[in-house]
Protein backbone atom coordinates (compact mmCIF):
# COMPACT_ATOMS: atom_id res chain seq x y z
CA MET A 1 52.09 26.81 42.17
CA LYS A 2 51.82 24.41 45.04
CA PHE A 3 48.35 25.15 46.41
CA SER A 4 45.14 25.63 44.46
CA VAL A 5 42.05 27.21 46.03
CA VAL A 6 38.78 26.42 44.25
CA ILE A 7 35.94 28.91 44.83
CA PRO A 8 32.46 28.31 43.36
CA ILE A 9 30.68 31.64 42.78
CA TYR A 10 26.92 32.21 42.67
CA LYS A 11 25.28 35.51 43.66
CA ASN A 12 28.36 36.60 45.60
CA GLU A 13 29.08 40.02 44.10
CA ALA A 14 28.79 41.76 47.48
CA SER A 15 31.46 39.59 49.11
CA ILE A 16 33.99 39.58 46.24
CA PRO A 17 36.15 42.50 47.50
CA ARG A 18 36.49 40.84 50.92
CA LEU A 19 37.11 37.47 49.24
CA LEU A 20 39.96 38.82 47.11
CA GLN A 21 41.59 40.42 50.15
CA ALA A 22 41.32 37.14 52.09
CA LEU A 23 42.92 35.26 49.19
CA SER A 24 45.75 37.80 49.00
CA ASP A 25 46.42 37.37 52.72
CA MET A 26 46.35 33.59 52.32
CA ASN A 27 48.84 33.78 49.47
CA CYS A 28 51.22 35.70 51.73
CA GLN A 29 50.89 33.05 54.44
CA LEU A 30 51.64 30.37 51.83
CA ARG A 31 54.73 32.31 50.63
CA GLY A 32 53.37 33.13 47.20
CA THR A 33 52.78 29.52 46.14
CA MET A 34 48.99 29.73 45.76
CA GLU A 35 46.64 30.02 42.82
CA ALA A 36 42.90 30.71 42.87
CA VAL A 37 40.38 29.07 40.55
CA PHE A 38 37.09 31.01 40.41
CA VAL A 39 34.15 29.14 38.90
CA VAL A 40 31.16 31.40 38.26
CA ASP A 41 28.23 29.01 38.17
CA GLY A 42 25.85 30.90 35.87
CA SER A 43 25.47 33.69 38.42
CA PRO A 44 22.87 36.30 37.33
CA ASP A 45 24.61 39.18 39.13
CA GLN A 46 27.88 41.00 38.35
CA SER A 47 30.15 38.42 39.97
CA PHE A 48 31.85 37.40 36.71
CA VAL A 49 32.40 41.02 35.59
CA LEU A 50 33.86 42.03 38.95
CA LEU A 51 36.28 39.10 38.97
CA ARG A 52 37.25 39.61 35.33
CA ASP A 53 38.05 43.28 35.94
CA ALA A 54 40.07 42.46 39.08
CA LEU A 55 41.99 39.55 37.55
CA ASP A 56 45.00 41.47 36.20
CA GLY A 57 45.50 43.34 39.46
CA LEU A 58 45.73 40.29 41.69
CA ASP A 59 49.05 39.48 43.35
CA PHE A 60 48.56 35.74 42.88
CA PRO A 61 47.89 33.55 39.80
CA ALA A 62 44.19 33.06 39.13
CA GLN A 63 41.86 31.39 36.67
CA LEU A 64 38.30 32.55 36.00
CA LEU A 65 35.85 30.01 34.57
CA GLY A 66 32.20 30.60 33.78
CA HIS A 67 29.49 27.96 33.45
CA SER A 68 26.92 28.41 30.68
CA ARG A 69 24.14 28.23 33.32
CA ASN A 70 23.65 27.37 36.96
CA PHE A 71 24.62 23.70 37.39
CA GLY A 72 25.09 23.72 41.17
CA SER A 73 27.95 24.11 43.62
CA PHE A 74 29.22 20.53 43.36
CA PRO A 75 29.63 20.61 39.54
CA ALA A 76 31.34 23.99 39.97
CA ILE A 77 33.77 22.46 42.46
CA ARG A 78 34.50 19.61 40.05
CA THR A 79 35.16 22.10 37.24
CA GLY A 80 37.57 24.01 39.46
CA LEU A 81 39.38 20.87 40.63
CA ALA A 82 39.83 19.72 37.03
CA ALA A 83 41.32 23.08 35.99
CA ALA A 84 43.54 23.58 39.08
CA ARG A 85 47.29 23.18 38.54
CA GLY A 86 48.67 22.83 42.06
CA GLU A 87 49.84 19.83 44.03
CA TYR A 88 47.28 20.34 46.80
CA PHE A 89 43.72 21.56 46.50
CA GLY A 90 41.24 23.25 48.80
CA VAL A 91 37.62 24.29 48.38
CA MET A 92 36.58 27.65 49.76
CA ALA A 93 33.14 29.27 50.07
CA ALA A 94 32.87 32.68 48.40
CA ASP A 95 30.72 34.07 51.23
CA LEU A 96 33.58 33.47 53.71
CA GLN A 97 31.34 31.76 56.25
CA GLU A 98 34.09 29.15 56.43
CA PRO A 99 37.13 31.06 57.79
CA PRO A 100 40.09 31.35 55.36
CA GLU A 101 42.37 30.07 58.11
CA LEU A 102 40.69 26.70 57.64
CA LEU A 103 42.21 26.39 54.15
CA THR A 104 45.66 27.22 55.54
CA ALA A 105 45.25 24.40 58.08
CA PHE A 106 44.20 22.07 55.26
CA PHE A 107 47.28 22.87 53.19
CA LYS A 108 49.68 22.50 56.12
CA ALA A 109 48.34 19.03 56.91
CA LEU A 110 48.47 17.96 53.26
CA ASP A 111 51.97 19.36 52.71
CA ALA A 112 53.20 17.50 55.80
CA ASP A 113 51.75 14.27 54.32
CA GLU A 114 49.56 13.76 57.37
CA CYS A 115 46.63 12.76 55.16
CA ASP A 116 45.27 12.56 51.61
CA VAL A 117 42.10 14.52 52.29
CA THR A 118 41.28 17.10 54.93
CA ILE A 119 37.66 17.70 55.94
CA GLY A 120 36.25 20.73 57.72
CA THR A 121 33.86 19.78 60.54
CA ARG A 122 31.57 22.39 62.08
CA THR A 123 31.66 22.67 65.87
CA GLY A 124 29.20 25.58 65.75
CA ARG A 125 27.36 27.75 63.24
CA ASN A 126 25.92 31.26 63.37
CA ASP A 127 22.89 30.40 61.25
CA PRO A 128 19.16 30.87 61.96
CA TYR A 129 17.77 28.57 64.66
CA LEU A 130 15.47 26.57 62.37
CA SER A 131 18.29 26.07 59.86
CA ARG A 132 20.55 24.71 62.62
CA ILE A 133 17.84 22.33 63.83
CA ALA A 134 17.05 21.03 60.33
CA SER A 135 20.75 20.57 59.54
CA GLY A 136 21.38 18.74 62.81
CA VAL A 137 18.49 16.33 62.23
CA PHE A 138 19.50 15.61 58.63
CA TRP A 139 23.17 14.98 59.35
CA GLY A 140 22.33 12.91 62.43
CA VAL A 141 20.05 10.59 60.45
CA TYR A 142 22.48 10.53 57.52
CA ARG A 143 25.37 9.60 59.79
CA ARG A 144 23.34 6.81 61.40
CA LEU A 145 21.81 5.24 58.29
CA VAL A 146 23.95 6.12 55.25
CA VAL A 147 27.56 7.30 55.80
CA HIS A 148 28.66 6.29 59.28
CA ASP A 149 31.94 8.23 59.09
CA MET A 150 30.17 11.53 58.38
CA PRO A 151 30.97 14.17 61.06
CA GLU A 152 28.06 15.20 63.26
CA GLY A 153 27.90 18.72 61.85
CA GLY A 154 28.20 17.67 58.22
CA VAL A 155 30.79 18.87 55.69
CA ASP A 156 30.91 21.97 53.46
CA VAL A 157 34.59 22.34 52.54
CA PHE A 158 37.56 20.03 52.10
CA GLY A 159 41.09 19.82 50.79
CA CYS A 160 43.02 17.00 49.11
CA ASN A 161 46.21 15.99 47.37
CA ARG A 162 46.57 15.27 43.66
CA SER A 163 46.09 11.51 43.99
CA PHE A 164 42.78 11.93 45.77
CA ARG A 165 41.67 14.68 43.34
CA ASP A 166 42.31 12.43 40.34
CA GLN A 167 40.31 9.57 41.82
CA LEU A 168 37.44 11.88 42.76
CA LEU A 169 37.19 13.30 39.25
CA LYS A 170 36.95 9.79 37.81
CA LEU A 171 33.59 9.34 39.56
CA GLU A 172 31.39 11.09 37.01
CA GLU A 173 27.94 10.80 38.56
CA SER A 174 25.38 13.46 37.67
CA ARG A 175 22.89 12.82 40.50
CA SER A 176 25.13 12.24 43.48
CA SER A 177 26.73 13.92 46.50
CA LEU A 178 30.34 15.05 46.19
CA ILE A 179 30.70 15.02 49.97
CA ALA A 180 29.47 11.43 50.29
CA LEU A 181 31.84 10.39 47.46
CA ILE A 182 34.74 11.75 49.52
CA PHE A 183 33.91 9.29 52.29
CA TRP A 184 33.18 6.49 49.80
CA LEU A 185 36.69 6.82 48.35
CA GLY A 186 38.37 6.33 51.70
CA PHE A 187 42.10 7.28 51.75
CA ARG A 188 43.75 8.85 54.79
CA ARG A 189 41.47 11.50 56.27
CA LYS A 190 42.02 14.28 58.78
CA LEU A 191 39.18 16.24 60.37
CA VAL A 192 39.76 19.93 61.08
CA SER A 193 37.17 21.57 63.33
CA TYR A 194 35.97 25.16 62.94
CA GLU A 195 33.05 27.41 63.77
CA ARG A 196 30.99 28.62 60.84
CA LEU A 197 30.88 32.42 60.72
CA LYS A 198 27.87 34.65 60.31
CA ARG A 199 27.09 35.68 56.74
CA GLN A 200 27.97 39.36 56.25
CA GLU A 201 26.76 40.08 52.72
CA GLY A 202 23.67 39.10 50.77
CA LYS A 203 21.39 36.11 51.25
CA SER A 204 22.19 32.44 50.88
CA SER A 205 21.25 30.90 47.52
CA TRP A 206 20.89 27.54 49.27
CA THR A 207 17.11 27.40 48.84
CA LEU A 208 14.70 24.82 50.26
CA ARG A 209 14.37 23.18 46.84
CA LYS A 210 18.15 22.79 46.56
CA LYS A 211 18.32 21.39 50.07
CA VAL A 212 15.65 18.80 49.26
CA ASP A 213 17.41 17.84 46.00
CA TYR A 214 20.70 17.51 47.87
CA MET A 215 19.06 15.35 50.54
CA MET A 216 17.52 13.03 47.92
CA ASP A 217 20.81 12.72 46.00
CA SER A 218 22.77 12.11 49.20
CA ILE A 219 20.43 9.30 50.26
CA PHE A 220 19.42 7.50 47.08
CA ALA A 221 22.90 7.49 45.50
CA PHE A 222 24.54 5.81 48.49
CA THR A 223 22.15 3.44 50.19
CA ASP A 224 19.32 1.02 49.47
CA TYR A 225 18.02 1.47 53.00
CA PRO A 226 14.58 2.79 51.90
CA ILE A 227 14.11 -0.30 49.71
CA ARG A 228 15.23 -2.66 52.47
CA LEU A 229 12.93 -0.86 54.94
CA LEU A 230 10.01 -1.29 52.56
CA MET A 231 10.73 -4.99 52.17
CA ARG A 232 11.04 -5.47 55.95
CA ILE A 233 7.70 -3.74 56.49
CA GLY A 234 6.19 -6.03 53.85
CA MET A 235 7.61 -9.15 55.50
CA ILE A 236 6.45 -8.10 58.96
CA GLY A 237 3.08 -7.11 57.51
CA CYS A 238 2.63 -10.48 55.84
CA GLY A 239 3.19 -12.17 59.21
CA LEU A 240 0.81 -9.80 60.99
CA SER A 241 -1.83 -10.21 58.26
CA THR A 242 -1.62 -14.01 58.71
CA VAL A 243 -2.25 -13.66 62.45
CA LEU A 244 -5.05 -11.14 61.97
CA GLY A 245 -6.52 -13.28 59.20
CA ALA A 246 -6.62 -16.24 61.58
CA LEU A 247 -8.43 -14.08 64.14
CA VAL A 248 -10.96 -12.95 61.52
CA ILE A 249 -11.61 -16.56 60.47
CA ALA A 250 -11.99 -17.59 64.11
CA GLY A 251 -14.40 -14.74 64.70
CA HIS A 252 -16.40 -15.69 61.64
CA LEU A 253 -16.61 -19.39 62.60
CA SER A 254 -17.56 -18.55 66.18
CA GLY A 255 -20.32 -16.24 65.02
CA ARG A 256 -18.77 -13.08 66.49
CA ILE A 257 -18.46 -11.54 63.00
CA THR A 258 -21.89 -11.50 61.39
CA VAL A 259 -21.42 -8.94 58.59
CA PRO A 260 -21.64 -10.78 55.23
CA GLY A 261 -18.36 -10.73 53.27
CA TYR A 262 -16.41 -8.96 56.03
CA ALA A 263 -14.05 -11.87 56.72
CA ALA A 264 -13.18 -12.44 53.06
CA THR A 265 -12.66 -8.71 52.44
CA MET A 266 -10.37 -8.29 55.44
CA LEU A 267 -8.30 -11.33 54.49
CA VAL A 268 -7.78 -10.07 50.95
CA VAL A 269 -6.95 -6.48 52.01
CA LEU A 270 -4.54 -7.47 54.79
CA PHE A 271 -2.67 -10.22 53.01
CA PHE A 272 -2.36 -8.79 49.51
CA GLY A 273 -1.68 -5.27 50.80
CA MET A 274 1.37 -6.45 52.72
CA LEU A 275 2.35 -8.82 49.92
CA ASN A 276 2.32 -5.85 47.56
CA LEU A 277 4.75 -3.94 49.82
CA PHE A 278 7.02 -6.96 50.02
CA GLY A 279 6.94 -7.40 46.23
CA ILE A 280 7.79 -3.73 45.62
CA GLY A 281 10.73 -4.03 48.01
CA LEU A 282 11.91 -7.20 46.27
CA ILE A 283 11.74 -5.62 42.81
CA GLY A 284 13.39 -2.50 44.24
CA ASN A 285 16.38 -4.58 45.30
CA TYR A 286 16.93 -5.75 41.74
CA ALA A 287 16.50 -2.17 40.47
CA TRP A 288 19.05 -0.94 43.04
CA ARG A 289 21.63 -3.47 41.87
CA GLY A 290 21.16 -2.36 38.29
CA TYR A 291 21.47 1.28 39.36
CA GLU A 292 24.67 0.51 41.29
CA ASN A 293 26.22 -1.06 38.21
CA SER A 294 25.20 1.89 36.03
CA LYS A 295 27.25 4.29 38.21
CA GLU A 296 30.40 2.39 37.20
CA ARG A 297 32.25 3.10 40.42
CA PRO A 298 35.50 1.13 40.68
CA LEU A 299 35.38 -2.05 42.74
CA ALA A 300 38.48 -0.89 44.61
CA VAL A 301 40.75 2.18 44.69
CA VAL A 302 44.55 1.96 45.11
CA SER A 303 45.91 4.80 47.26
CA ILE A 304 49.48 3.50 47.84
CA LYS A 305 51.78 1.51 45.58
CA CYS A 306 55.22 0.14 46.53
CA GLU A 307 57.73 -1.82 44.45
CA ASN A 308 60.72 -3.87 45.51
CA GLY A 309 63.93 -1.92 44.88
CA ARG A 310 62.59 0.59 42.36
CA GLY A 311 59.53 2.52 41.35
CA THR A 312 57.14 4.52 43.49
CA GLU A 313 58.22 5.23 47.05
CA CYS A 314 56.04 4.06 49.93
């Protein structure tokens, strides 16, 4: 087995027949060198039963793994990558909104040693209008403030070689973004563009709550920008409160402010309010550094090793 396709499954029973046919066609294109790794992520429907019953009749090697409950698509992908036995790996959506031909393009680029990781980038998507707008805004802000290499349309699927897979699995972070970790690792990347297809069966399980959780994990696990923004606002506010305080004192001394206690109250509210923001930002910086150390990410990752006269080839 040269190529391993990892497919997380959750509420996908309606698309399983079409999925199995697409995998069979892909195996033919890859000359029978493909295996499939199905990871049923605590799905409440009949997805596991359908795959279990179809397993023996498949014309390609396959593994079927079942989570004890719903852990999420990223943990399911990690489970599949850890169990996969090929040399090259690709992640595929069970609803087939990402065309199967995209995985074939991934594997060709990896097999030709053009890259260590291939990333699918959306040039278009047949999703509801509001969903497209929200996704565009999120990925635009994320690209600008957090991961600058992130494609404009975001990332849903990817492929990689064994070296990249092994390094990715070493990053065992429970509240994180697998996609952002791909860019954090570096290595040689290749972007493959595609148009996301319209969903044909069922409804997406990607609920608003999951989207919000994903957004929070993607931001707070990879940048201290919110803390730095808070501290900058506090610093600017302290300067502004000093200027405004001087104006209040001048108004009080000139008799323009005649309300008893107004000047003292304004000075206290302005100055200590901004000082409080600055202090929270300062403490947040120390907390962020402790959090960074707790993730235990490596300080550097070696992707290529060469030796003089013997050993690993360059």
